[in-house]
């Protein structure tokens, strides 16, 4: 059986525009802060966090620190979630948890765990694609693109390869 060609939803330039717009929204909602943390879920989520950090550094006066969130996305219950900073570093700070796609909210719900153990100033969520099939009570504060899909369709975000950079529907 032949597999269908993926459909390009966003090209590289459109992704850059979405990232820039999200960066401005983050700045507008946090302009009084002196610093904030961008916590990207390992993989494309962390790459999106890196791109947002670069965009914010061009427009915002506050400092931006990157955090990588590592977890096993295949586990059905709360996996061990690790960050590359001690949780005490997030006390009284703004933390924005970032992933490439929000589908059911499971990965993002699990990713919030380290930030719930300390009193953060604000905890926000940013995604490039919101598929809007919530099973967990997680909503994105910042969205690049909302996409209605069927349950059988899959969204691939490619940020790591500049020649194939894009959002694809399979």
N, C-alpha and C. Protein backbone atom coordinates (compact mmCIF):
# COMPACT_ATOMS: atom_id res chain seq x y z
N UNK A 1 0.83 -1.16 0.00
CA UNK A 1 0.00 0.00 0.00
C UNK A 1 0.89 1.24 0.00
N UNK A 2 0.55 2.18 -0.82
CA UNK A 2 1.31 3.40 -0.96
C UNK A 2 0.91 4.40 0.12
N UNK A 3 1.91 5.00 0.77
CA UNK A 3 1.59 6.02 1.76
C UNK A 3 1.48 7.38 1.08
N UNK A 4 0.53 8.14 1.52
CA UNK A 4 0.29 9.46 0.92
C UNK A 4 1.43 10.42 1.25
N UNK A 5 1.69 11.31 0.34
CA UNK A 5 2.69 12.34 0.56
C UNK A 5 2.20 13.27 1.66
N UNK A 6 3.11 13.72 2.52
CA UNK A 6 2.68 14.66 3.55
C UNK A 6 2.28 16.00 2.93
N UNK A 7 1.34 16.66 3.56
CA UNK A 7 0.88 17.97 3.11
C UNK A 7 1.59 19.04 3.91
N UNK A 8 2.21 19.97 3.21
CA UNK A 8 2.90 21.07 3.88
C UNK A 8 1.86 22.05 4.41
N UNK A 9 1.88 22.29 5.72
CA UNK A 9 0.95 23.22 6.37
C UNK A 9 1.61 24.58 6.54
N UNK A 10 2.84 24.60 7.05
CA UNK A 10 3.61 25.83 7.22
C UNK A 10 5.00 25.62 6.66
N UNK A 11 5.47 26.56 5.84
CA UNK A 11 6.84 26.47 5.33
C UNK A 11 7.79 27.19 6.31
N UNK A 12 9.06 27.20 5.99
CA UNK A 12 10.07 27.77 6.89
C UNK A 12 9.81 29.24 7.19
N UNK A 13 9.47 30.01 6.18
CA UNK A 13 9.22 31.44 6.38
C UNK A 13 7.98 31.66 7.26
N UNK A 14 6.95 30.88 7.04
CA UNK A 14 5.74 31.01 7.85
C UNK A 14 6.02 30.63 9.31
N UNK A 15 6.86 29.63 9.52
CA UNK A 15 7.25 29.25 10.89
C UNK A 15 8.00 30.40 11.55
N UNK A 16 8.93 31.01 10.83
CA UNK A 16 9.67 32.15 11.38
C UNK A 16 8.71 33.30 11.76
N UNK A 17 7.70 33.54 10.92
CA UNK A 17 6.71 34.58 11.22
C UNK A 17 5.93 34.23 12.49
N UNK A 18 5.54 32.97 12.63
CA UNK A 18 4.79 32.54 13.83
C UNK A 18 5.65 32.70 15.07
N UNK A 19 6.92 32.33 14.98
CA UNK A 19 7.83 32.45 16.11
C UNK A 19 7.99 33.91 16.51
N UNK A 20 8.14 34.78 15.53
CA UNK A 20 8.28 36.22 15.83
C UNK A 20 7.02 36.76 16.50
N UNK A 21 5.86 36.36 16.02
CA UNK A 21 4.60 36.82 16.61
C UNK A 21 4.46 36.32 18.05
N UNK A 22 4.78 35.06 18.28
CA UNK A 22 4.72 34.51 19.64
C UNK A 22 5.69 35.27 20.55
N UNK A 23 6.88 35.57 20.04
CA UNK A 23 7.87 36.31 20.84
C UNK A 23 7.32 37.68 21.25
N UNK A 24 6.66 38.38 20.34
CA UNK A 24 6.07 39.67 20.68
C UNK A 24 4.96 39.50 21.71
N UNK A 25 4.16 38.45 21.60
CA UNK A 25 3.10 38.21 22.59
C UNK A 25 3.69 37.93 23.97
N UNK A 26 4.76 37.13 24.00
CA UNK A 26 5.43 36.85 25.28
C UNK A 26 5.95 38.14 25.88
N UNK A 27 6.58 38.96 25.06
CA UNK A 27 7.10 40.24 25.54
C UNK A 27 5.98 41.13 26.07
N UNK A 28 4.90 41.23 25.33
CA UNK A 28 3.77 42.07 25.76
C UNK A 28 3.19 41.62 27.10
N UNK A 29 3.13 40.31 27.32
CA UNK A 29 2.55 39.79 28.56
C UNK A 29 3.53 39.73 29.72
N UNK A 30 4.81 39.99 29.45
CA UNK A 30 5.83 39.89 30.49
C UNK A 30 6.79 41.08 30.48
N UNK A 31 6.35 42.22 29.97
CA UNK A 31 7.25 43.36 29.78
C UNK A 31 7.82 43.91 31.09
N UNK A 32 7.19 43.66 32.20
CA UNK A 32 7.68 44.16 33.48
C UNK A 32 8.71 43.24 34.13
N UNK A 33 8.95 42.10 33.55
CA UNK A 33 9.88 41.13 34.14
C UNK A 33 11.33 41.51 33.83
N UNK A 34 12.23 41.04 34.68
CA UNK A 34 13.66 41.26 34.43
C UNK A 34 14.29 40.05 33.75
N UNK A 35 13.67 38.89 33.95
CA UNK A 35 14.16 37.68 33.29
C UNK A 35 13.05 36.65 33.24
N UNK A 36 13.19 35.71 32.32
CA UNK A 36 12.24 34.60 32.24
C UNK A 36 12.93 33.37 31.71
N UNK A 37 12.30 32.22 31.99
CA UNK A 37 12.81 30.93 31.56
C UNK A 37 11.93 30.38 30.45
N UNK A 38 12.56 29.90 29.39
CA UNK A 38 11.86 29.17 28.33
C UNK A 38 12.24 27.72 28.48
N UNK A 39 11.27 26.88 28.84
CA UNK A 39 11.51 25.47 29.10
C UNK A 39 10.96 24.64 27.95
N UNK A 40 11.85 24.17 27.08
CA UNK A 40 11.44 23.41 25.92
C UNK A 40 11.49 21.92 26.15
N UNK A 41 10.44 21.22 25.72
CA UNK A 41 10.42 19.76 25.78
C UNK A 41 11.45 19.24 24.79
N UNK A 42 12.30 18.32 25.23
CA UNK A 42 13.40 17.81 24.41
C UNK A 42 12.92 17.44 23.01
N UNK A 43 13.72 17.78 22.03
CA UNK A 43 13.39 17.55 20.62
C UNK A 43 12.97 18.86 19.98
N UNK A 44 11.90 18.80 19.20
CA UNK A 44 11.45 20.00 18.48
C UNK A 44 10.93 21.08 19.43
N UNK A 45 10.43 20.69 20.59
CA UNK A 45 9.98 21.67 21.58
C UNK A 45 11.15 22.53 22.06
N UNK A 46 12.29 21.89 22.30
CA UNK A 46 13.48 22.65 22.73
C UNK A 46 14.00 23.52 21.60
N UNK A 47 13.93 23.02 20.38
CA UNK A 47 14.37 23.82 19.24
C UNK A 47 13.48 25.05 19.06
N UNK A 48 12.18 24.88 19.29
CA UNK A 48 11.27 26.01 19.25
C UNK A 48 11.61 27.01 20.36
N UNK A 49 11.94 26.52 21.54
CA UNK A 49 12.34 27.39 22.65
C UNK A 49 13.60 28.18 22.28
N UNK A 50 14.55 27.53 21.63
CA UNK A 50 15.77 28.23 21.19
C UNK A 50 15.44 29.34 20.21
N UNK A 51 14.56 29.06 19.26
CA UNK A 51 14.18 30.06 18.26
C UNK A 51 13.44 31.23 18.93
N UNK A 52 12.58 30.92 19.89
CA UNK A 52 11.87 31.98 20.61
C UNK A 52 12.84 32.82 21.44
N UNK A 53 13.83 32.18 22.04
CA UNK A 53 14.84 32.92 22.81
C UNK A 53 15.59 33.89 21.92
N UNK A 54 15.97 33.44 20.73
CA UNK A 54 16.67 34.33 19.79
C UNK A 54 15.78 35.51 19.39
N UNK A 55 14.52 35.25 19.12
CA UNK A 55 13.59 36.31 18.73
C UNK A 55 13.37 37.29 19.88
N UNK A 56 13.25 36.77 21.10
CA UNK A 56 13.04 37.64 22.26
C UNK A 56 14.25 38.52 22.54
N UNK A 57 15.43 37.98 22.32
CA UNK A 57 16.65 38.76 22.57
C UNK A 57 16.75 39.97 21.64
N UNK A 58 16.09 39.90 20.50
CA UNK A 58 16.10 41.03 19.56
C UNK A 58 15.10 42.13 19.94
N UNK A 59 14.08 41.79 20.71
CA UNK A 59 13.01 42.77 20.98
C UNK A 59 12.81 43.11 22.45
N UNK A 60 13.23 42.23 23.36
CA UNK A 60 12.91 42.41 24.78
C UNK A 60 14.16 42.76 25.58
N UNK A 61 14.02 43.63 26.59
CA UNK A 61 15.18 44.00 27.41
C UNK A 61 15.51 42.98 28.50
N UNK A 62 14.59 42.06 28.80
CA UNK A 62 14.86 41.10 29.87
C UNK A 62 15.75 39.96 29.40
N UNK A 63 16.36 39.30 30.38
CA UNK A 63 17.21 38.15 30.03
C UNK A 63 16.33 36.92 29.85
N UNK A 64 16.76 36.05 28.95
CA UNK A 64 16.03 34.83 28.64
C UNK A 64 16.96 33.64 28.86
N UNK A 65 16.51 32.70 29.68
CA UNK A 65 17.30 31.50 29.93
C UNK A 65 16.55 30.28 29.39
N UNK A 66 17.31 29.39 28.77
CA UNK A 66 16.74 28.17 28.20
C UNK A 66 16.88 27.00 29.18
N UNK A 67 15.85 26.19 29.21
CA UNK A 67 15.84 24.97 30.01
C UNK A 67 15.39 23.85 29.09
N UNK A 68 16.01 22.69 29.22
CA UNK A 68 15.54 21.52 28.47
C UNK A 68 14.80 20.60 29.42
N UNK A 69 13.60 20.19 29.01
CA UNK A 69 12.78 19.25 29.78
C UNK A 69 12.93 17.87 29.13
N UNK A 70 13.35 16.90 29.92
CA UNK A 70 13.49 15.52 29.43
C UNK A 70 12.49 14.63 30.14
N UNK A 71 11.71 13.88 29.34
CA UNK A 71 10.76 12.93 29.89
C UNK A 71 10.48 11.86 28.84
N UNK A 72 10.00 10.72 29.31
CA UNK A 72 9.63 9.63 28.42
C UNK A 72 8.16 9.83 28.02
N UNK A 73 7.94 10.26 26.78
CA UNK A 73 6.59 10.57 26.31
C UNK A 73 5.72 9.32 26.12
N UNK A 74 6.33 8.14 26.14
CA UNK A 74 5.56 6.92 25.90
C UNK A 74 4.89 6.38 27.16
N UNK A 75 5.31 6.85 28.34
CA UNK A 75 4.70 6.34 29.57
C UNK A 75 3.26 6.83 29.70
N UNK A 76 2.40 5.97 30.21
CA UNK A 76 0.99 6.30 30.34
C UNK A 76 0.66 7.09 31.59
N UNK A 77 1.53 7.01 32.60
CA UNK A 77 1.33 7.79 33.82
C UNK A 77 2.52 8.73 33.98
N UNK A 78 2.48 9.58 34.99
CA UNK A 78 3.50 10.61 35.17
C UNK A 78 4.91 10.03 35.13
N UNK A 79 5.68 10.35 34.08
CA UNK A 79 7.06 9.87 34.02
C UNK A 79 7.97 10.76 34.86
N UNK A 80 9.18 10.32 35.05
CA UNK A 80 10.19 11.15 35.69
C UNK A 80 10.50 12.28 34.72
N UNK A 81 10.44 13.50 35.22
CA UNK A 81 10.71 14.68 34.40
C UNK A 81 11.97 15.34 34.94
N UNK A 82 12.92 15.56 34.06
CA UNK A 82 14.18 16.17 34.47
C UNK A 82 14.40 17.47 33.71
N UNK A 83 14.99 18.43 34.38
CA UNK A 83 15.40 19.68 33.74
C UNK A 83 16.90 19.84 33.96
N UNK A 84 17.50 20.69 33.15
CA UNK A 84 18.95 20.89 33.29
C UNK A 84 19.29 22.00 34.29
N UNK A 85 18.32 22.36 35.13
CA UNK A 85 18.52 23.34 36.21
C UNK A 85 17.83 22.81 37.46
N UNK A 86 18.33 23.16 38.64
CA UNK A 86 17.62 22.76 39.87
C UNK A 86 16.30 23.51 39.97
N UNK A 87 15.30 22.90 40.55
CA UNK A 87 13.98 23.53 40.62
C UNK A 87 14.00 24.83 41.40
N UNK A 88 14.93 24.98 42.33
CA UNK A 88 15.00 26.23 43.10
C UNK A 88 15.29 27.44 42.21
N UNK A 89 15.85 27.23 41.04
CA UNK A 89 16.16 28.33 40.11
C UNK A 89 14.89 29.00 39.59
N UNK A 90 13.74 28.32 39.67
CA UNK A 90 12.50 28.84 39.11
C UNK A 90 11.66 29.62 40.12
N UNK A 91 12.11 29.68 41.36
CA UNK A 91 11.36 30.38 42.40
C UNK A 91 11.17 31.84 42.03
N UNK A 92 9.90 32.27 42.06
CA UNK A 92 9.51 33.66 41.76
C UNK A 92 9.93 34.10 40.35
N UNK A 93 9.96 33.17 39.41
CA UNK A 93 10.32 33.47 38.02
C UNK A 93 9.16 33.15 37.10
N UNK A 94 9.18 33.75 35.92
CA UNK A 94 8.22 33.41 34.88
C UNK A 94 8.81 32.25 34.09
N UNK A 95 8.03 31.18 33.97
CA UNK A 95 8.46 30.00 33.21
C UNK A 95 7.44 29.76 32.11
N UNK A 96 7.94 29.61 30.89
CA UNK A 96 7.07 29.29 29.76
C UNK A 96 7.48 27.91 29.25
N UNK A 97 6.58 26.96 29.38
CA UNK A 97 6.83 25.59 28.92
C UNK A 97 6.45 25.54 27.44
N UNK A 98 7.36 24.99 26.62
CA UNK A 98 7.21 25.06 25.17
C UNK A 98 7.32 23.68 24.55
N UNK A 99 6.38 23.40 23.63
CA UNK A 99 6.45 22.17 22.83
C UNK A 99 6.01 22.50 21.42
N UNK A 100 6.30 21.60 20.50
CA UNK A 100 5.98 21.88 19.10
C UNK A 100 4.49 21.73 18.82
N UNK A 101 3.87 20.66 19.34
CA UNK A 101 2.46 20.39 19.04
C UNK A 101 1.70 20.11 20.34
N UNK A 102 0.56 20.74 20.50
CA UNK A 102 -0.36 20.43 21.59
C UNK A 102 -1.48 19.58 20.98
N UNK A 103 -1.52 18.31 21.36
CA UNK A 103 -2.54 17.41 20.83
C UNK A 103 -3.53 17.11 21.94
N UNK A 104 -3.21 16.18 22.84
CA UNK A 104 -4.13 15.86 23.94
C UNK A 104 -3.79 16.66 25.20
N UNK A 105 -2.59 17.20 25.27
CA UNK A 105 -2.15 17.93 26.45
C UNK A 105 -1.36 17.07 27.42
N UNK A 106 -1.23 15.78 27.13
CA UNK A 106 -0.57 14.85 28.04
C UNK A 106 0.89 15.22 28.28
N UNK A 107 1.66 15.40 27.22
CA UNK A 107 3.08 15.71 27.36
C UNK A 107 3.27 17.02 28.12
N UNK A 108 2.49 18.02 27.77
CA UNK A 108 2.63 19.30 28.46
C UNK A 108 2.18 19.21 29.92
N UNK A 109 1.14 18.45 30.21
CA UNK A 109 0.70 18.27 31.60
C UNK A 109 1.81 17.62 32.42
N UNK A 110 2.44 16.59 31.86
CA UNK A 110 3.55 15.93 32.55
C UNK A 110 4.73 16.89 32.70
N UNK A 111 4.97 17.73 31.70
CA UNK A 111 6.12 18.64 31.69
C UNK A 111 6.00 19.74 32.74
N UNK A 112 4.82 20.01 33.23
CA UNK A 112 4.62 21.06 34.22
C UNK A 112 5.12 20.65 35.61
N UNK A 113 5.27 19.36 35.85
CA UNK A 113 5.57 18.83 37.17
C UNK A 113 6.73 19.52 37.90
N UNK A 114 7.89 19.74 37.30
CA UNK A 114 8.98 20.36 38.06
C UNK A 114 8.67 21.79 38.50
N UNK A 115 7.83 22.46 37.77
CA UNK A 115 7.54 23.87 38.06
C UNK A 115 6.41 24.03 39.07
N UNK A 116 5.72 22.95 39.36
CA UNK A 116 4.65 22.99 40.35
C UNK A 116 5.17 22.76 41.76
N UNK A 117 6.43 22.36 41.88
CA UNK A 117 7.00 22.08 43.20
C UNK A 117 7.65 23.31 43.84
N UNK A 118 7.68 24.43 43.13
CA UNK A 118 8.23 25.68 43.66
C UNK A 118 7.26 26.82 43.34
N UNK A 119 7.29 27.89 44.11
CA UNK A 119 6.39 29.00 43.82
C UNK A 119 6.91 29.89 42.68
N UNK A 120 6.48 29.57 41.47
CA UNK A 120 6.87 30.39 40.32
C UNK A 120 5.97 31.63 40.27
N UNK A 121 6.45 32.69 39.62
CA UNK A 121 5.64 33.91 39.50
C UNK A 121 4.50 33.68 38.51
N UNK A 122 4.84 33.11 37.34
CA UNK A 122 3.85 32.77 36.31
C UNK A 122 4.31 31.50 35.63
N UNK A 123 3.35 30.68 35.24
CA UNK A 123 3.63 29.47 34.48
C UNK A 123 2.74 29.51 33.24
N UNK A 124 3.36 29.59 32.07
CA UNK A 124 2.63 29.73 30.82
C UNK A 124 3.04 28.61 29.87
N UNK A 125 2.25 28.44 28.80
CA UNK A 125 2.51 27.40 27.81
C UNK A 125 2.50 28.02 26.42
N UNK A 126 3.47 27.61 25.60
CA UNK A 126 3.54 28.05 24.20
C UNK A 126 3.73 26.83 23.30
N UNK A 127 3.01 26.84 22.18
CA UNK A 127 3.14 25.77 21.19
C UNK A 127 3.13 26.37 19.79
N UNK A 128 3.76 25.67 18.87
CA UNK A 128 3.70 26.11 17.49
C UNK A 128 2.36 25.72 16.86
N UNK A 129 1.92 24.48 17.12
CA UNK A 129 0.66 23.96 16.55
C UNK A 129 -0.25 23.50 17.68
N UNK A 130 -1.49 23.96 17.66
CA UNK A 130 -2.51 23.51 18.60
C UNK A 130 -3.54 22.70 17.82
N UNK A 131 -3.60 21.39 18.06
CA UNK A 131 -4.53 20.52 17.35
C UNK A 131 -5.91 20.48 18.00
N UNK A 132 -6.02 20.96 19.23
CA UNK A 132 -7.30 21.14 19.89
C UNK A 132 -8.08 19.84 20.12
N UNK A 133 -7.41 18.83 20.69
CA UNK A 133 -8.07 17.60 21.13
C UNK A 133 -7.77 17.40 22.61
N UNK A 134 -8.21 18.31 23.47
CA UNK A 134 -7.79 18.24 24.87
C UNK A 134 -8.36 17.04 25.61
N UNK A 135 -7.47 16.30 26.23
CA UNK A 135 -7.86 15.23 27.17
C UNK A 135 -7.35 15.58 28.56
N UNK A 136 -6.40 16.49 28.61
CA UNK A 136 -5.82 16.96 29.86
C UNK A 136 -6.10 18.46 29.95
N UNK A 137 -6.22 18.99 31.17
CA UNK A 137 -6.58 20.40 31.31
C UNK A 137 -5.39 21.34 31.07
N UNK A 138 -4.88 21.32 29.85
CA UNK A 138 -3.77 22.17 29.47
C UNK A 138 -4.19 22.96 28.23
N UNK A 139 -4.05 24.26 28.32
CA UNK A 139 -4.32 25.12 27.17
C UNK A 139 -3.09 25.98 26.93
N UNK A 140 -2.85 26.31 25.69
CA UNK A 140 -1.68 27.12 25.35
C UNK A 140 -2.01 28.60 25.50
N UNK A 141 -1.12 29.32 26.16
CA UNK A 141 -1.24 30.77 26.26
C UNK A 141 -0.80 31.42 24.95
N UNK A 142 0.14 30.77 24.27
CA UNK A 142 0.68 31.27 23.00
C UNK A 142 0.63 30.16 21.97
N UNK A 143 0.00 30.45 20.84
CA UNK A 143 -0.16 29.45 19.77
C UNK A 143 0.32 30.06 18.47
N UNK A 144 1.07 29.29 17.71
CA UNK A 144 1.47 29.75 16.39
C UNK A 144 0.36 29.54 15.38
N UNK A 145 -0.30 28.37 15.45
CA UNK A 145 -1.28 28.01 14.44
C UNK A 145 -2.23 26.98 15.04
N UNK A 146 -3.53 27.18 14.85
CA UNK A 146 -4.52 26.19 15.27
C UNK A 146 -4.91 25.37 14.07
N UNK A 147 -4.92 24.05 14.25
CA UNK A 147 -5.15 23.15 13.14
C UNK A 147 -6.14 22.06 13.55
N UNK A 148 -7.26 22.01 12.87
CA UNK A 148 -8.24 20.95 13.12
C UNK A 148 -7.86 19.74 12.27
N UNK A 149 -7.72 18.62 12.92
CA UNK A 149 -7.32 17.39 12.23
C UNK A 149 -8.23 16.25 12.68
N UNK A 150 -8.12 15.13 11.99
CA UNK A 150 -8.81 13.93 12.44
C UNK A 150 -7.91 13.22 13.43
N UNK A 151 -8.47 12.28 14.16
CA UNK A 151 -7.69 11.53 15.13
C UNK A 151 -6.62 10.67 14.48
N UNK A 152 -6.81 10.29 13.23
CA UNK A 152 -5.85 9.42 12.56
C UNK A 152 -4.73 10.19 11.88
N UNK A 153 -4.87 11.49 11.75
CA UNK A 153 -3.82 12.28 11.11
C UNK A 153 -2.71 12.58 12.11
N UNK A 154 -1.53 12.84 11.58
CA UNK A 154 -0.37 13.12 12.41
C UNK A 154 0.28 14.41 11.92
N UNK A 155 0.70 15.24 12.86
CA UNK A 155 1.37 16.49 12.53
C UNK A 155 2.85 16.35 12.88
N UNK A 156 3.71 16.58 11.91
CA UNK A 156 5.15 16.56 12.11
C UNK A 156 5.69 17.98 12.00
N UNK A 157 6.44 18.38 13.00
CA UNK A 157 7.12 19.67 12.97
C UNK A 157 8.60 19.39 12.79
N UNK A 158 9.19 19.98 11.76
CA UNK A 158 10.61 19.81 11.49
C UNK A 158 11.27 21.18 11.62
N UNK A 159 12.05 21.34 12.69
CA UNK A 159 12.79 22.58 12.90
C UNK A 159 14.29 22.34 12.80
N UNK A 160 14.70 21.08 12.97
CA UNK A 160 16.12 20.75 13.05
C UNK A 160 16.82 20.72 11.70
N UNK A 161 16.10 20.57 10.63
CA UNK A 161 16.72 20.46 9.31
C UNK A 161 16.25 21.63 8.46
N UNK A 162 17.13 22.57 8.21
CA UNK A 162 16.71 23.80 7.51
C UNK A 162 16.20 23.53 6.10
N UNK A 163 16.66 22.47 5.44
CA UNK A 163 16.17 22.21 4.08
C UNK A 163 14.76 21.63 4.07
N UNK A 164 14.37 20.94 5.14
CA UNK A 164 13.02 20.36 5.25
C UNK A 164 12.16 21.08 6.28
N UNK A 165 12.63 22.22 6.78
CA UNK A 165 11.90 22.93 7.84
C UNK A 165 10.46 23.17 7.42
N UNK A 166 9.54 22.75 8.29
CA UNK A 166 8.14 22.93 7.97
C UNK A 166 7.25 22.18 8.94
N UNK A 167 5.96 22.39 8.78
CA UNK A 167 4.95 21.65 9.52
C UNK A 167 4.20 20.83 8.49
N UNK A 168 4.13 19.52 8.72
CA UNK A 168 3.55 18.60 7.74
C UNK A 168 2.41 17.82 8.38
N UNK A 169 1.37 17.60 7.58
CA UNK A 169 0.23 16.78 7.98
C UNK A 169 0.36 15.45 7.24
N UNK A 170 0.34 14.35 7.99
CA UNK A 170 0.48 13.00 7.41
C UNK A 170 -0.77 12.20 7.70
